[in-house]
PDB file of all heavy atoms in Angstrom:
ATOM      1  N   THR A   1     -63.969  76.482  18.982  1.00  0.00           N
ATOM      2  CA  THR A   1     -62.541  76.818  19.101  1.00  0.00           C
ATOM      3  C   THR A   1     -61.939  77.099  17.731  1.00  0.00           C
ATOM      4  O   THR A   1     -61.175  78.055  17.552  1.00  0.00           O
ATOM      5  CB  THR A   1     -61.776  75.663  19.773  1.00  0.00           C
ATOM      6  OG1 THR A   1     -62.311  75.453  21.082  1.00  0.00           O
ATOM      7  CG2 THR A   1     -60.296  75.977  19.871  1.00  0.00           C
ATOM      8  N   MET A   2     -62.279  76.267  16.736  1.00  0.00           N
ATOM      9  CA  MET A   2     -61.727  76.445  15.399  1.00  0.00           C
ATOM     10  C   MET A   2     -62.278  77.681  14.704  1.00  0.00           C
ATOM     11  O   MET A   2     -61.582  78.338  13.927  1.00  0.00           O
ATOM     12  CB  MET A   2     -61.999  75.198  14.553  1.00  0.00           C
ATOM     13  CG  MET A   2     -61.232  73.957  14.970  1.00  0.00           C
ATOM     14  SD  MET A   2     -59.420  74.143  14.825  1.00  0.00           S
ATOM     15  CE  MET A   2     -58.984  74.723  16.476  1.00  0.00           C
ATOM     16  N   TRP A   3     -63.534  78.031  14.973  1.00  0.00           N
ATOM     17  CA  TRP A   3     -64.074  79.255  14.377  1.00  0.00           C
ATOM     18  C   TRP A   3     -63.347  80.481  14.917  1.00  0.00           C
ATOM     19  O   TRP A   3     -62.995  81.391  14.164  1.00  0.00           O
ATOM     20  CB  TRP A   3     -65.577  79.373  14.678  1.00  0.00           C
ATOM     21  CG  TRP A   3     -66.389  78.258  14.108  1.00  0.00           C
ATOM     22  CD1 TRP A   3     -66.079  77.478  13.018  1.00  0.00           C
ATOM     23  CD2 TRP A   3     -67.639  77.765  14.601  1.00  0.00           C
ATOM     24  NE1 TRP A   3     -67.069  76.546  12.806  1.00  0.00           N
ATOM     25  CE2 TRP A   3     -68.035  76.691  13.761  1.00  0.00           C
ATOM     26  CE3 TRP A   3     -68.474  78.117  15.656  1.00  0.00           C
ATOM     27  CZ2 TRP A   3     -69.225  75.983  13.944  1.00  0.00           C
ATOM     28  CZ3 TRP A   3     -69.651  77.413  15.841  1.00  0.00           C
ATOM     29  CH2 TRP A   3     -70.027  76.365  14.997  1.00  0.00           C
ATOM     30  N   ILE A   4     -63.110  80.494  16.215  1.00  0.00           N
ATOM     31  CA  ILE A   4     -62.383  81.619  16.814  1.00  0.00           C
ATOM     32  C   ILE A   4     -60.971  81.695  16.234  1.00  0.00           C
ATOM     33  O   ILE A   4     -60.493  82.770  15.857  1.00  0.00           O
ATOM     34  CB  ILE A   4     -62.329  81.461  18.347  1.00  0.00           C
ATOM     35  CG1 ILE A   4     -63.742  81.558  18.939  1.00  0.00           C
ATOM     36  CG2 ILE A   4     -61.419  82.525  18.965  1.00  0.00           C
ATOM     37  CD1 ILE A   4     -63.824  81.179  20.412  1.00  0.00           C
ATOM     38  N   THR A   5     -60.313  80.546  16.152  1.00  0.00           N
ATOM     39  CA  THR A   5     -58.954  80.509  15.608  1.00  0.00           C
ATOM     40  C   THR A   5     -58.939  81.025  14.181  1.00  0.00           C
ATOM     41  O   THR A   5     -58.042  81.782  13.783  1.00  0.00           O
ATOM     42  CB  THR A   5     -58.394  79.071  15.628  1.00  0.00           C
ATOM     43  OG1 THR A   5     -58.722  78.461  16.866  1.00  0.00           O
ATOM     44  CG2 THR A   5     -56.884  79.066  15.445  1.00  0.00           C
ATOM     45  N   GLY A   6     -59.925  80.593  13.384  1.00  0.00           N
ATOM     46  CA  GLY A   6     -59.952  80.991  11.973  1.00  0.00           C
ATOM     47  C   GLY A   6     -60.103  82.480  11.791  1.00  0.00           C
ATOM     48  O   GLY A   6     -59.405  83.092  10.964  1.00  0.00           O
ATOM     49  N   ILE A   7     -60.993  83.095  12.568  1.00  0.00           N
ATOM     50  CA  ILE A   7     -61.177  84.544  12.458  1.00  0.00           C
ATOM     51  C   ILE A   7     -59.895  85.262  12.880  1.00  0.00           C
ATOM     52  O   ILE A   7     -59.463  86.240  12.241  1.00  0.00           O
ATOM     53  CB  ILE A   7     -62.368  84.994  13.325  1.00  0.00           C
ATOM     54  CG1 ILE A   7     -63.679  84.426  12.744  1.00  0.00           C
ATOM     55  CG2 ILE A   7     -62.437  86.516  13.415  1.00  0.00           C
ATOM     56  CD1 ILE A   7     -64.881  84.611  13.640  1.00  0.00           C
ATOM     57  N   MET A   8     -59.265  84.786  13.955  1.00  0.00           N
ATOM     58  CA  MET A   8     -58.008  85.378  14.414  1.00  0.00           C
ATOM     59  C   MET A   8     -56.930  85.244  13.343  1.00  0.00           C
ATOM     60  O   MET A   8     -56.215  86.208  13.033  1.00  0.00           O
ATOM     61  CB  MET A   8     -57.553  84.701  15.702  1.00  0.00           C
ATOM     62  CG  MET A   8     -56.224  85.212  16.240  1.00  0.00           C
ATOM     63  SD  MET A   8     -55.570  84.190  17.584  1.00  0.00           S
ATOM     64  CE  MET A   8     -55.099  82.704  16.681  1.00  0.00           C
ATOM     65  N   GLN A   9     -56.796  84.047  12.773  1.00  0.00           N
ATOM     66  CA  GLN A   9     -55.780  83.830  11.744  1.00  0.00           C
ATOM     67  C   GLN A   9     -55.991  84.763  10.562  1.00  0.00           C
ATOM     68  O   GLN A   9     -55.040  85.390  10.064  1.00  0.00           O
ATOM     69  CB  GLN A   9     -55.824  82.366  11.279  1.00  0.00           C
ATOM     70  CG  GLN A   9     -55.286  81.373  12.298  1.00  0.00           C
ATOM     71  CD  GLN A   9     -55.581  79.938  11.894  1.00  0.00           C
ATOM     72  OE1 GLN A   9     -56.526  79.659  11.159  1.00  0.00           O
ATOM     73  NE2 GLN A   9     -54.779  79.010  12.390  1.00  0.00           N
ATOM     74  N   GLY A  10     -57.244  84.827  10.080  1.00  0.00           N
ATOM     75  CA  GLY A  10     -57.522  85.685   8.929  1.00  0.00           C
ATOM     76  C   GLY A  10     -57.187  87.139   9.209  1.00  0.00           C
ATOM     77  O   GLY A  10     -56.609  87.828   8.357  1.00  0.00           O
ATOM     78  N   ALA A  11     -57.522  87.614  10.408  1.00  0.00           N
ATOM     79  CA  ALA A  11     -57.248  89.001  10.767  1.00  0.00           C
ATOM     80  C   ALA A  11     -55.744  89.255  10.866  1.00  0.00           C
ATOM     81  O   ALA A  11     -55.243  90.297  10.399  1.00  0.00           O
ATOM     82  CB  ALA A  11     -57.932  89.342  12.090  1.00  0.00           C
ATOM     83  N   LEU A  12     -54.996  88.328  11.455  1.00  0.00           N
ATOM     84  CA  LEU A  12     -53.546  88.494  11.600  1.00  0.00           C
ATOM     85  C   LEU A  12     -52.859  88.483  10.230  1.00  0.00           C
ATOM     86  O   LEU A  12     -51.946  89.274   9.978  1.00  0.00           O
ATOM     87  CB  LEU A  12     -52.963  87.386  12.477  1.00  0.00           C
ATOM     88  CG  LEU A  12     -53.335  87.407  13.966  1.00  0.00           C
ATOM     89  CD1 LEU A  12     -52.797  86.165  14.665  1.00  0.00           C
ATOM     90  CD2 LEU A  12     -52.807  88.671  14.639  1.00  0.00           C
ATOM     91  N   TRP A  13     -53.296  87.600   9.357  1.00  0.00           N
ATOM     92  CA  TRP A  13     -52.669  87.497   8.035  1.00  0.00           C
ATOM     93  C   TRP A  13     -52.920  88.739   7.177  1.00  0.00           C
ATOM     94  O   TRP A  13     -52.100  89.095   6.338  1.00  0.00           O
ATOM     95  CB  TRP A  13     -53.204  86.272   7.285  1.00  0.00           C
ATOM     96  CG  TRP A  13     -52.863  84.958   7.915  1.00  0.00           C
ATOM     97  CD1 TRP A  13     -51.940  84.725   8.898  1.00  0.00           C
ATOM     98  CD2 TRP A  13     -53.456  83.690   7.622  1.00  0.00           C
ATOM     99  NE1 TRP A  13     -51.920  83.394   9.244  1.00  0.00           N
ATOM    100  CE2 TRP A  13     -52.850  82.729   8.472  1.00  0.00           C
ATOM    101  CE3 TRP A  13     -54.452  83.269   6.756  1.00  0.00           C
ATOM    102  CZ2 TRP A  13     -53.192  81.377   8.446  1.00  0.00           C
ATOM    103  CZ3 TRP A  13     -54.796  81.929   6.732  1.00  0.00           C
ATOM    104  CH2 TRP A  13     -54.177  80.988   7.569  1.00  0.00           C
ATOM    105  N   LYS A  14     -54.060  89.395   7.410  1.00  0.00           N
ATOM    106  CA  LYS A  14     -54.417  90.556   6.586  1.00  0.00           C
ATOM    107  C   LYS A  14     -53.910  91.879   7.172  1.00  0.00           C
ATOM    108  O   LYS A  14     -53.931  92.909   6.490  1.00  0.00           O
ATOM    109  CB  LYS A  14     -55.936  90.626   6.427  1.00  0.00           C
ATOM    110  CG  LYS A  14     -56.513  89.521   5.571  1.00  0.00           C
ATOM    111  CD  LYS A  14     -58.028  89.514   5.617  1.00  0.00           C
ATOM    112  CE  LYS A  14     -58.606  90.736   4.949  1.00  0.00           C
ATOM    113  NZ  LYS A  14     -58.320  90.766   3.491  1.00  0.00           N
ATOM    114  N   ALA A  15     -53.477  91.851   8.437  1.00  0.00           N
ATOM    115  CA  ALA A  15     -53.047  93.093   9.087  1.00  0.00           C
ATOM    116  C   ALA A  15     -51.772  93.635   8.437  1.00  0.00           C
ATOM    117  O   ALA A  15     -50.824  92.893   8.189  1.00  0.00           O
ATOM    118  CB  ALA A  15     -52.811  92.854  10.572  1.00  0.00           C
ATOM    119  N   THR A  16     -51.757  94.948   8.138  1.00  0.00           N
ATOM    120  CA  THR A  16     -50.595  95.566   7.501  1.00  0.00           C
ATOM    121  C   THR A  16     -50.196  96.840   8.236  1.00  0.00           C
ATOM    122  O   THR A  16     -50.999  97.482   8.919  1.00  0.00           O
ATOM    123  CB  THR A  16     -50.890  95.916   6.034  1.00  0.00           C
ATOM    124  OG1 THR A  16     -52.050  96.773   5.975  1.00  0.00           O
ATOM    125  CG2 THR A  16     -51.147  94.655   5.215  1.00  0.00           C
ATOM    126  N   ASN A  17     -48.945  97.202   8.079  1.00  0.00           N
ATOM    127  CA  ASN A  17     -48.441  98.473   8.603  1.00  0.00           C
ATOM    128  C   ASN A  17     -48.787  99.587   7.625  1.00  0.00           C
ATOM    129  O   ASN A  17     -49.322  99.348   6.536  1.00  0.00           O
ATOM    130  CB  ASN A  17     -46.922  98.395   8.789  1.00  0.00           C
ATOM    131  CG  ASN A  17     -46.544  97.360   9.835  1.00  0.00           C
ATOM    132  OD1 ASN A  17     -47.054  97.371  10.954  1.00  0.00           O
ATOM    133  ND2 ASN A  17     -45.633  96.460   9.471  1.00  0.00           N
ATOM    134  N   ALA A  18     -48.484 100.803   8.015  1.00  0.00           N
ATOM    135  CA  ALA A  18     -48.807 101.967   7.183  1.00  0.00           C
ATOM    136  C   ALA A  18     -48.142 101.896   5.812  1.00  0.00           C
ATOM    137  O   ALA A  18     -48.686 102.393   4.817  1.00  0.00           O
ATOM    138  CB  ALA A  18     -48.412 103.250   7.911  1.00  0.00           C
ATOM    139  N   ASP A  19     -46.958 101.256   5.749  1.00  0.00           N
ATOM    140  CA  ASP A  19     -46.247 101.171   4.464  1.00  0.00           C
ATOM    141  C   ASP A  19     -46.692  99.975   3.623  1.00  0.00           C
ATOM    142  O   ASP A  19     -46.129  99.707   2.568  1.00  0.00           O
ATOM    143  CB  ASP A  19     -44.737 101.113   4.698  1.00  0.00           C
ATOM    144  CG  ASP A  19     -44.316  99.879   5.501  1.00  0.00           C
ATOM    145  OD1 ASP A  19     -45.213  99.096   5.903  1.00  0.00           O
ATOM    146  OD2 ASP A  19     -43.093  99.691   5.706  1.00  0.00           O
ATOM    147  N   GLY A  20     -47.688  99.252   4.121  1.00  0.00           N
ATOM    148  CA  GLY A  20     -48.211  98.121   3.355  1.00  0.00           C
ATOM    149  C   GLY A  20     -47.557  96.785   3.673  1.00  0.00           C
ATOM    150  O   GLY A  20     -47.999  95.749   3.162  1.00  0.00           O
ATOM    151  N   SER A  21     -46.537  96.786   4.505  1.00  0.00           N
ATOM    152  CA  SER A  21     -45.887  95.528   4.874  1.00  0.00           C
ATOM    153  C   SER A  21     -46.737  94.775   5.896  1.00  0.00           C
ATOM    154  O   SER A  21     -47.561  95.370   6.601  1.00  0.00           O
ATOM    155  CB  SER A  21     -44.494  95.797   5.448  1.00  0.00           C
ATOM    156  OG  SER A  21     -44.585  96.599   6.621  1.00  0.00           O
ATOM    157  N   LEU A  22     -46.528  93.455   5.971  1.00  0.00           N
ATOM    158  CA  LEU A  22     -47.292  92.644   6.911  1.00  0.00           C
ATOM    159  C   LEU A  22     -46.940  93.021   8.347  1.00  0.00           C
ATOM    160  O   LEU A  22     -45.768  93.194   8.695  1.00  0.00           O
ATOM    161  CB  LEU A  22     -47.014  91.159   6.686  1.00  0.00           C
ATOM    162  CG  LEU A  22     -47.544  90.569   5.368  1.00  0.00           C
ATOM    163  CD1 LEU A  22     -47.119  89.106   5.239  1.00  0.00           C
ATOM    164  CD2 LEU A  22     -49.062  90.680   5.298  1.00  0.00           C
ATOM    165  N   LYS A  23     -47.964  93.130   9.190  1.00  0.00           N
ATOM    166  CA  LYS A  23     -47.752  93.560  10.569  1.00  0.00           C
ATOM    167  C   LYS A  23     -47.190  92.432  11.430  1.00  0.00           C
ATOM    168  O   LYS A  23     -46.431  92.674  12.370  1.00  0.00           O
ATOM    169  CB  LYS A  23     -49.076  94.047  11.154  1.00  0.00           C
ATOM    170  CG  LYS A  23     -48.944  94.701  12.518  1.00  0.00           C
ATOM    171  CD  LYS A  23     -50.249  95.357  12.934  1.00  0.00           C
ATOM    172  CE  LYS A  23     -50.088  96.081  14.268  1.00  0.00           C
ATOM    173  NZ  LYS A  23     -51.351  96.768  14.672  1.00  0.00           N
ATOM    174  N   TYR A  24     -47.567  91.184  11.124  1.00  0.00           N
ATOM    175  CA  TYR A  24     -47.148  90.043  11.934  1.00  0.00           C
ATOM    176  C   TYR A  24     -46.337  89.071  11.093  1.00  0.00           C
ATOM    177  O   TYR A  24     -46.669  88.792   9.942  1.00  0.00           O
ATOM    178  CB  TYR A  24     -48.368  89.317  12.516  1.00  0.00           C
ATOM    179  CG  TYR A  24     -49.206  90.188  13.417  1.00  0.00           C
ATOM    180  CD1 TYR A  24     -50.363  90.800  12.926  1.00  0.00           C
ATOM    181  CD2 TYR A  24     -48.848  90.413  14.746  1.00  0.00           C
ATOM    182  CE1 TYR A  24     -51.140  91.603  13.739  1.00  0.00           C
ATOM    183  CE2 TYR A  24     -49.626  91.216  15.562  1.00  0.00           C
ATOM    184  CZ  TYR A  24     -50.765  91.818  15.055  1.00  0.00           C
ATOM    185  OH  TYR A  24     -51.521  92.626  15.858  1.00  0.00           O
ATOM    186  N   THR A  25     -45.295  88.531  11.673  1.00  0.00           N
ATOM    187  CA  THR A  25     -44.521  87.493  10.990  1.00  0.00           C
ATOM    188  C   THR A  25     -45.292  86.174  11.046  1.00  0.00           C
ATOM    189  O   THR A  25     -46.251  86.018  11.809  1.00  0.00           O
ATOM    190  CB  THR A  25     -43.149  87.291  11.653  1.00  0.00           C
ATOM    191  OG1 THR A  25     -43.348  86.768  12.986  1.00  0.00           O
ATOM    192  CG2 THR A  25     -42.380  88.593  11.722  1.00  0.00           C
ATOM    193  N   PHE A  26     -44.833  85.225  10.255  1.00  0.00           N
ATOM    194  CA  PHE A  26     -45.468  83.901  10.261  1.00  0.00           C
ATOM    195  C   PHE A  26     -45.424  83.292  11.660  1.00  0.00           C
ATOM    196  O   PHE A  26     -46.416  82.748  12.147  1.00  0.00           O
ATOM    197  CB  PHE A  26     -44.763  82.982   9.264  1.00  0.00           C
ATOM    198  CG  PHE A  26     -45.243  81.555   9.320  1.00  0.00           C
ATOM    199  CD1 PHE A  26     -46.434  81.178   8.721  1.00  0.00           C
ATOM    200  CD2 PHE A  26     -44.511  80.583   9.994  1.00  0.00           C
ATOM    201  CE1 PHE A  26     -46.885  79.872   8.782  1.00  0.00           C
ATOM    202  CE2 PHE A  26     -44.957  79.268  10.070  1.00  0.00           C
ATOM    203  CZ  PHE A  26     -46.150  78.916   9.461  1.00  0.00           C
ATOM    204  N   MET A  27     -44.277  83.384  12.332  1.00  0.00           N
ATOM    205  CA  MET A  27     -44.131  82.774  13.645  1.00  0.00           C
ATOM    206  C   MET A  27     -44.993  83.467  14.700  1.00  0.00           C
ATOM    207  O   MET A  27     -45.522  82.822  15.612  1.00  0.00           O
ATOM    208  CB  MET A  27     -42.661  82.781  14.085  1.00  0.00           C
ATOM    209  CG  MET A  27     -41.767  81.854  13.278  1.00  0.00           C
ATOM    210  SD  MET A  27     -42.364  80.139  13.271  1.00  0.00           S
ATOM    211  CE  MET A  27     -42.267  79.740  15.005  1.00  0.00           C
ATOM    212  N   GLU A  28     -45.157  84.779  14.589  1.00  0.00           N
ATOM    213  CA  GLU A  28     -46.015  85.500  15.535  1.00  0.00           C
ATOM    214  C   GLU A  28     -47.465  85.040  15.405  1.00  0.00           C
ATOM    215  O   GLU A  28     -48.170  84.859  16.404  1.00  0.00           O
ATOM    216  CB  GLU A  28     -45.918  87.009  15.294  1.00  0.00           C
ATOM    217  CG  GLU A  28     -44.618  87.620  15.783  1.00  0.00           C
ATOM    218  CD  GLU A  28     -44.487  89.086  15.408  1.00  0.00           C
ATOM    219  OE1 GLU A  28     -44.982  89.468  14.323  1.00  0.00           O
ATOM    220  OE2 GLU A  28     -43.905  89.850  16.189  1.00  0.00           O
ATOM    221  N   GLY A  29     -47.900  84.836  14.164  1.00  0.00           N
ATOM    222  CA  GLY A  29     -49.256  84.337  13.949  1.00  0.00           C
ATOM    223  C   GLY A  29     -49.411  82.906  14.417  1.00  0.00           C
ATOM    224  O   GLY A  29     -50.416  82.547  15.041  1.00  0.00           O
TER     225      GLY A  29
END
């Protein structure tokens, strides 16, 4: 469960929009 969560967290934190801004807010993650 924690491995799945970790990969998801890392992907969400690194996701960016075309302008370079973060795609997800802290609360969404």
